[in-house]
Amino acid sequence: MLATGQARLTTLRSMHHVITGGAGFIGSHLAEALVAGGHSVTVLDDFSTGRRANLAALEAHEGFALVEGSVQDPAVVARACEGAQVIVHLAATVGVKLVIDRPVETLVNNVRGTEVVLEAASRLGARTLVASTSEVYGKLMSGASSQSSLREDDDILIGRTSVRRWGYACSKALDEFLALAHATEHGLPVTAIRFFNTVGPRQLGEYGMVLPRFVEAALAGAPIRVHGDGTQSRCFHHVADSVRSLLAILAAPSTHGQVLNLGSDREITMVELATMVRDEAGSTSSIVLEPYEQAFGSGFEDMRRRVPDLGKLRALLGPQPVRDVRSIVRDVVAWQRSRA
């Protein structure tokens, strides 16, 4: 299905795509795939977390352009989006550490930036994807006994306003509201994508992303610090699989006006992940349980499980690529080693 999704997009005439946050982890992989498919791409990025090195393979390509600036600036966004037929809005403040440390930036950048991008998209009538997150489900899976997977039509349960991580969840939920409002009011062909722990080469651990953080520690022989009791579970999706599904979503009119989970439904606990990382890295690192309060300050709340229901995505697009966790870990370990 991966190749099919890519073929469906490339059978269309060459299209001009704009990717906000395109110097970031997911955006740079998507930009490469689009250029390889014969499309032109403009990346808009302020390089607050994105890296120029991620775009090195594209900079000399005639179908690629880079605009440096903020998605909060309407003039910059209008210039970057000139002639755009497709807009993929990935720019956001993300990563649990960044969200906790910079709550004002998180709220303003995520909401104002999406507002500006959607206004530009609606003026152009461009096919649009808006990046959301599994965090919008909030505390639905906070109970240790919960065995349900998260569906797009579930109600959401956000925690107290005094807990900073829920500000990020609310900001992305508001992004979804804005996207669907533009679909209803302006006929914008938009899809909101709830990413579930996308990982792979180019993702760094400096903002709290768990897998690269574990791998960095293991390769350095440092303790692998697992927050909480380590029994909380997540599902990890390789960025290459995410990109192939994004290409299929872009090519499918049936996804217009929809909210879609995107990720893997193969669950692993954090202690299991740390052990797997240590094994694949051939490391002697210890695995240390670190209380949430020590890592993030008092009052931090986490979800016990976060597992997507992928039924809607599969019903619209057919089976989607999902590689196993061990192969993902091996890929991340190999990439981290290549940077040493």
Protein backbone atom coordinates (compact mmCIF):
# COMPACT_ATOMS: atom_id res chain seq x y z
CA MET A 1 0.00 0.00 0.00
CA LEU A 2 2.98 2.23 0.58
CA ALA A 3 4.03 2.24 -3.03
CA THR A 4 0.41 2.59 -4.12
CA GLY A 5 -0.09 5.70 -2.02
CA GLN A 6 3.04 7.28 -3.48
CA ALA A 7 2.04 6.34 -7.02
CA ARG A 8 -1.41 7.89 -6.62
CA LEU A 9 0.17 11.22 -5.72
CA THR A 10 2.77 11.18 -8.49
CA THR A 11 0.20 10.33 -11.16
CA LEU A 12 -1.26 13.80 -10.61
CA ARG A 13 0.38 16.70 -12.46
CA SER A 14 3.42 18.11 -10.71
CA MET A 15 2.13 20.18 -7.81
CA HIS A 16 3.62 22.91 -5.68
CA HIS A 17 3.71 22.04 -1.97
CA VAL A 18 4.45 24.25 1.02
CA ILE A 19 5.60 22.59 4.24
CA THR A 20 5.66 24.74 7.36
CA GLY A 21 8.18 23.43 9.84
CA GLY A 22 9.78 21.65 6.90
CA ALA A 23 13.29 21.76 8.38
CA GLY A 24 12.07 19.61 11.25
CA PHE A 25 12.13 15.88 11.68
CA ILE A 26 8.93 14.86 9.85
CA GLY A 27 8.88 17.83 7.49
CA SER A 28 12.31 17.22 6.02
CA HIS A 29 11.51 13.57 5.28
CA LEU A 30 8.23 14.60 3.64
CA ALA A 31 9.97 17.28 1.57
CA GLU A 32 12.47 14.74 0.25
CA ALA A 33 9.69 12.32 -0.70
CA LEU A 34 7.73 15.00 -2.55
CA VAL A 35 10.74 16.27 -4.50
CA ALA A 36 11.65 12.67 -5.38
CA GLY A 37 8.08 12.28 -6.67
CA GLY A 38 8.49 15.18 -9.10
CA HIS A 39 6.80 17.91 -7.07
CA SER A 40 8.16 21.32 -6.13
CA VAL A 41 8.44 22.19 -2.44
CA THR A 42 8.82 25.39 -0.46
CA VAL A 43 9.80 24.98 3.17
CA LEU A 44 8.89 27.67 5.70
CA ASP A 45 10.81 27.40 8.97
CA ASP A 46 12.09 29.74 11.67
CA PHE A 47 14.77 27.23 12.77
CA SER A 48 13.74 27.44 16.40
CA THR A 49 13.85 23.64 16.50
CA GLY A 50 14.30 22.69 12.84
CA ARG A 51 17.82 22.21 11.46
CA ARG A 52 19.30 23.37 8.16
CA ALA A 53 21.26 20.13 8.02
CA ASN A 54 17.97 18.25 7.58
CA LEU A 55 17.51 20.00 4.22
CA ALA A 56 21.05 19.47 2.93
CA ALA A 57 19.98 16.93 0.30
CA LEU A 58 17.44 19.37 -1.16
CA GLU A 59 19.16 22.75 -1.18
CA ALA A 60 20.63 22.40 -4.69
CA HIS A 61 17.47 20.95 -6.21
CA GLU A 62 15.68 23.26 -8.66
CA GLY A 63 12.29 22.22 -7.31
CA PHE A 64 13.12 23.29 -3.77
CA ALA A 65 12.93 26.68 -2.05
CA LEU A 66 13.43 27.79 1.54
CA VAL A 67 11.77 30.72 3.29
CA GLU A 68 13.04 31.58 6.76
CA GLY A 69 10.42 33.11 9.02
CA SER A 70 7.59 32.55 11.46
CA VAL A 71 4.17 31.05 10.79
CA GLN A 72 2.81 33.77 13.06
CA ASP A 73 3.71 36.43 10.46
CA PRO A 74 0.93 36.74 7.84
CA ALA A 75 3.20 38.46 5.32
CA VAL A 76 5.86 35.75 5.54
CA VAL A 77 3.25 33.00 5.28
CA ALA A 78 1.60 34.69 2.27
CA ARG A 79 4.99 34.95 0.52
CA ALA A 80 5.90 31.34 1.27
CA CYS A 81 2.50 30.04 0.14
CA GLU A 82 2.36 31.96 -3.14
CA GLY A 83 1.20 29.54 -5.83
CA ALA A 84 0.77 26.67 -3.38
CA GLN A 85 -1.61 23.89 -4.38
CA VAL A 86 -0.91 21.85 -1.24
CA ILE A 87 -0.01 23.12 2.24
CA VAL A 88 1.23 20.79 4.97
CA HIS A 89 1.26 22.62 8.31
CA LEU A 90 3.74 20.92 10.63
CA ALA A 91 5.23 23.96 12.36
CA ALA A 92 4.53 23.85 16.09
CA THR A 93 6.11 23.88 19.51
CA VAL A 94 6.46 20.18 20.39
CA GLY A 95 8.30 17.90 22.81
CA VAL A 96 7.34 17.43 26.43
CA LYS A 97 10.36 19.29 27.81
CA LEU A 98 9.84 22.29 25.52
CA VAL A 99 6.11 22.35 26.28
CA ILE A 100 6.76 22.32 30.03
CA ASP A 101 9.57 24.89 29.90
CA ARG A 102 7.91 27.34 27.45
CA PRO A 103 4.14 27.28 27.99
CA VAL A 104 3.47 30.75 26.53
CA GLU A 105 5.41 29.99 23.35
CA THR A 106 3.57 26.67 23.06
CA LEU A 107 0.11 28.19 23.19
CA VAL A 108 0.76 31.27 21.07
CA ASN A 109 2.83 29.56 18.38
CA ASN A 110 0.53 26.57 17.99
CA VAL A 111 -2.72 28.50 17.86
CA ARG A 112 -1.71 31.75 16.16
CA GLY A 113 0.49 29.96 13.64
CA THR A 114 -2.30 27.60 12.62
CA GLU A 115 -4.76 30.49 12.35
CA VAL A 116 -2.45 32.35 9.94
CA VAL A 117 -1.69 29.27 7.83
CA LEU A 118 -5.36 28.28 7.51
CA GLU A 119 -6.31 31.80 6.45
CA ALA A 120 -3.70 31.62 3.68
CA ALA A 121 -4.83 28.13 2.68
CA SER A 122 -8.45 29.21 2.46
CA ARG A 123 -7.59 32.18 0.26
CA LEU A 124 -5.77 29.82 -2.10
CA GLY A 125 -8.20 26.91 -1.84
CA ALA A 126 -5.15 24.69 -1.30
CA ARG A 127 -5.32 21.06 -0.25
CA THR A 128 -4.21 21.24 3.39
CA LEU A 129 -2.95 18.93 6.11
CA VAL A 130 -2.77 20.18 9.70
CA ALA A 131 -0.58 18.32 12.18
CA SER A 132 -2.32 17.45 15.42
CA THR A 133 -1.30 14.96 18.08
CA SER A 134 -2.42 12.00 20.16
CA GLU A 135 -2.10 14.38 23.13
CA VAL A 136 -5.55 15.77 22.30
CA TYR A 137 -7.06 12.62 23.79
CA GLY A 138 -5.81 13.88 27.14
CA LYS A 139 -6.50 11.61 30.09
CA LEU A 140 -8.73 9.09 28.33
CA MET A 141 -6.13 6.38 28.81
CA SER A 142 -4.91 7.40 32.26
CA GLY A 143 -6.44 4.35 33.96
CA ALA A 144 -4.09 1.39 34.23
CA SER A 145 -6.95 -1.01 33.51
CA SER A 146 -8.02 0.67 30.27
CA GLN A 147 -7.79 -1.72 27.32
CA SER A 148 -9.41 0.45 24.67
CA SER A 149 -7.65 2.06 21.75
CA LEU A 150 -8.24 5.72 20.96
CA ARG A 151 -10.75 6.52 18.22
CA GLU A 152 -11.15 9.81 16.40
CA ASP A 153 -14.79 10.07 17.45
CA ASP A 154 -14.02 9.61 21.17
CA ASP A 155 -14.76 12.50 23.48
CA ILE A 156 -11.63 14.03 24.97
CA LEU A 157 -10.78 14.56 28.62
CA ILE A 158 -8.23 17.29 29.31
CA GLY A 159 -6.67 17.78 32.75
CA ARG A 160 -6.46 20.86 34.95
CA THR A 161 -5.36 24.22 33.51
CA SER A 162 -2.67 24.35 36.21
CA VAL A 163 -0.90 21.36 34.60
CA ARG A 164 1.17 22.81 31.75
CA ARG A 165 1.25 19.76 29.49
CA TRP A 166 -2.52 20.03 28.96
CA GLY A 167 -1.99 23.48 27.43
CA TYR A 168 -0.25 21.77 24.52
CA ALA A 169 -3.13 19.30 24.15
CA CYS A 170 -5.65 22.14 24.16
CA SER A 171 -3.65 24.15 21.62
CA LYS A 172 -3.65 21.25 19.17
CA ALA A 173 -7.33 20.53 19.79
CA LEU A 174 -8.05 24.15 18.92
CA ASP A 175 -5.99 23.71 15.75
CA GLU A 176 -8.36 20.88 14.79
CA PHE A 177 -11.40 23.05 15.54
CA LEU A 178 -9.96 25.79 13.32
CA ALA A 179 -9.20 23.37 10.49
CA LEU A 180 -12.68 21.86 10.51
CA ALA A 181 -14.25 25.32 10.78
CA HIS A 182 -12.42 26.36 7.60
CA ALA A 183 -13.65 23.17 5.94
CA THR A 184 -17.25 23.97 6.89
CA GLU A 185 -17.25 27.72 6.34
CA HIS A 186 -14.85 28.05 3.39
CA GLY A 187 -14.92 24.62 1.81
CA LEU A 188 -11.24 24.09 2.52
CA PRO A 189 -10.09 20.54 1.62
CA VAL A 190 -8.30 19.99 4.93
CA THR A 191 -7.37 16.94 7.02
CA ALA A 192 -6.15 16.98 10.63
CA ILE A 193 -3.56 14.30 11.40
CA ARG A 194 -3.18 13.00 14.96
CA PHE A 195 0.39 11.73 15.03
CA PHE A 196 1.22 8.96 17.53
CA ASN A 197 4.92 8.94 18.49
CA THR A 198 6.55 9.27 15.08
CA VAL A 199 10.24 8.36 15.38
CA GLY A 200 13.28 7.70 13.22
CA PRO A 201 16.47 9.27 11.82
CA ARG A 202 16.91 13.03 12.42
CA GLN A 203 14.79 13.07 15.57
CA LEU A 204 16.78 14.41 18.52
CA GLY A 205 16.21 13.84 22.22
CA GLU A 206 16.94 17.37 23.39
CA TYR A 207 13.26 18.31 23.73
CA GLY A 208 12.27 15.16 25.58
CA MET A 209 11.51 12.73 22.72
CA VAL A 210 11.86 9.36 24.40
CA LEU A 211 13.41 7.04 21.81
CA PRO A 212 16.30 9.27 20.69
CA ARG A 213 16.89 10.16 24.34
CA PHE A 214 17.20 6.47 25.26
CA VAL A 215 19.48 5.78 22.30
CA GLU A 216 21.75 8.74 23.05
CA ALA A 217 22.18 7.52 26.62
CA ALA A 218 22.81 3.91 25.60
CA LEU A 219 25.48 4.81 23.05
CA ALA A 220 27.19 7.06 25.58
CA GLY A 221 27.13 4.36 28.25
CA ALA A 222 25.09 6.69 30.46
CA PRO A 223 22.08 5.65 32.56
CA ILE A 224 18.88 5.29 30.52
CA ARG A 225 16.40 7.34 32.54
CA VAL A 226 12.82 6.06 32.39
CA HIS A 227 10.21 8.40 33.83
CA GLY A 228 7.68 7.08 36.33
CA ASP A 229 7.48 3.36 37.02
CA GLY A 230 8.22 2.41 33.41
CA THR A 231 5.04 0.41 32.88
CA GLN A 232 3.37 3.16 30.85
CA SER A 233 3.09 2.12 27.20
CA ARG A 234 3.30 3.84 23.82
CA CYS A 235 3.24 2.89 20.14
CA PHE A 236 6.06 3.99 17.81
CA HIS A 237 5.73 4.69 14.08
CA HIS A 238 8.71 5.00 11.74
CA VAL A 239 8.85 8.37 9.98
CA ALA A 240 9.20 6.68 6.58
CA ASP A 241 5.90 4.87 7.19
CA SER A 242 4.29 8.12 8.36
CA VAL A 243 5.43 9.93 5.22
CA ARG A 244 4.06 7.23 2.93
CA SER A 245 0.70 7.40 4.66
CA LEU A 246 0.74 11.21 4.40
CA LEU A 247 1.27 10.91 0.64
CA ALA A 248 -1.70 8.56 0.42
CA ILE A 249 -3.84 10.92 2.51
CA LEU A 250 -2.95 13.87 0.28
CA ALA A 251 -4.04 11.91 -2.79
CA ALA A 252 -7.38 10.72 -1.37
CA PRO A 253 -10.39 13.10 -1.57
CA SER A 254 -12.18 10.83 0.92
CA THR A 255 -9.92 12.25 3.66
CA HIS A 256 -11.07 15.85 3.17
CA GLY A 257 -12.75 17.27 6.28
CA GLN A 258 -11.55 14.33 8.39
CA VAL A 259 -9.53 13.86 11.57
CA LEU A 260 -7.26 10.81 11.30
CA ASN A 261 -5.05 8.89 13.70
CA LEU A 262 -1.66 8.12 12.19
CA GLY A 263 0.76 5.73 13.85
CA SER A 264 1.31 2.15 14.92
CA ASP A 265 -0.96 0.14 17.20
CA ARG A 266 1.89 -2.09 18.43
CA GLU A 267 2.31 -1.33 22.11
CA ILE A 268 5.48 -1.42 24.23
CA THR A 269 6.20 -0.28 27.80
CA MET A 270 8.96 2.21 28.48
CA VAL A 271 11.03 -0.31 30.46
CA GLU A 272 10.71 -2.79 27.58
CA LEU A 273 11.77 -0.06 25.16
CA ALA A 274 14.77 0.91 27.28
CA THR A 275 15.85 -2.73 27.49
CA MET A 276 15.48 -3.17 23.73
CA VAL A 277 17.51 -0.02 23.06
CA ARG A 278 20.27 -1.20 25.39
CA ASP A 279 20.38 -4.60 23.69
CA GLU A 280 20.43 -3.20 20.14
CA ALA A 281 23.12 -0.68 21.07
CA GLY A 282 25.24 -3.37 22.74
CA SER A 283 25.36 -1.08 25.75
CA THR A 284 26.08 -1.70 29.42
CA SER A 285 23.98 1.30 30.51
CA SER A 286 21.87 0.90 33.60
CA ILE A 287 18.14 1.54 33.43
CA VAL A 288 17.09 4.03 36.09
CA LEU A 289 13.52 4.89 37.10
CA GLU A 290 13.19 8.63 37.56
CA PRO A 291 10.14 10.15 39.29
CA TYR A 292 8.13 12.54 37.11
CA GLU A 293 8.59 15.27 39.72
CA GLN A 294 12.35 15.03 39.35
CA ALA A 295 12.20 15.31 35.57
CA PHE A 296 9.41 17.85 35.07
CA GLY A 297 8.59 19.40 38.44
CA SER A 298 5.58 18.88 40.67
CA GLY A 299 2.11 18.20 39.34
CA PHE A 300 3.14 16.48 36.09
CA GLU A 301 0.54 14.03 34.76
CA ASP A 302 1.07 11.22 32.27
CA MET A 303 -1.10 8.66 30.45
CA ARG A 304 -0.69 4.97 31.23
CA ARG A 305 -1.44 3.89 27.67
CA ARG A 306 -1.76 5.66 24.35
CA VAL A 307 -2.77 3.28 21.56
CA PRO A 308 -4.47 4.47 18.35
CA ASP A 309 -7.45 2.86 16.73
CA LEU A 310 -6.42 2.79 13.05
CA GLY A 311 -9.73 1.51 11.70
CA LYS A 312 -10.78 4.80 10.12
CA LEU A 313 -7.46 5.29 8.32
CA ARG A 314 -7.51 1.71 7.03
CA ALA A 315 -11.14 2.01 5.91
CA LEU A 316 -10.29 5.10 3.83
CA LEU A 317 -6.90 4.04 2.47
CA GLY A 318 -6.47 0.31 3.02
CA PRO A 319 -3.67 -1.30 5.05
CA GLN A 320 -0.90 1.15 5.92
CA PRO A 321 2.82 0.46 6.50
CA VAL A 322 3.74 -0.27 10.12
CA ARG A 323 7.17 -1.71 10.84
CA ASP A 324 8.00 -3.45 14.11
CA VAL A 325 9.54 -1.64 17.07
CA ARG A 326 12.84 -3.53 17.03
CA SER A 327 13.55 -2.58 13.41
CA ILE A 328 12.76 1.04 14.28
CA VAL A 329 15.14 0.95 17.24
CA ARG A 330 17.89 -0.54 15.03
CA ASP A 331 17.39 2.24 12.50
CA VAL A 332 17.62 4.96 15.15
CA VAL A 333 20.70 3.35 16.73
CA ALA A 334 22.40 3.14 13.32
CA TRP A 335 21.61 6.80 12.56
CA GLN A 336 22.85 8.00 15.94
CA ARG A 337 26.07 6.02 15.45
CA SER A 338 26.57 7.57 12.02
CA ARG A 339 26.58 11.03 13.61
CA ALA A 340 29.34 10.23 16.08
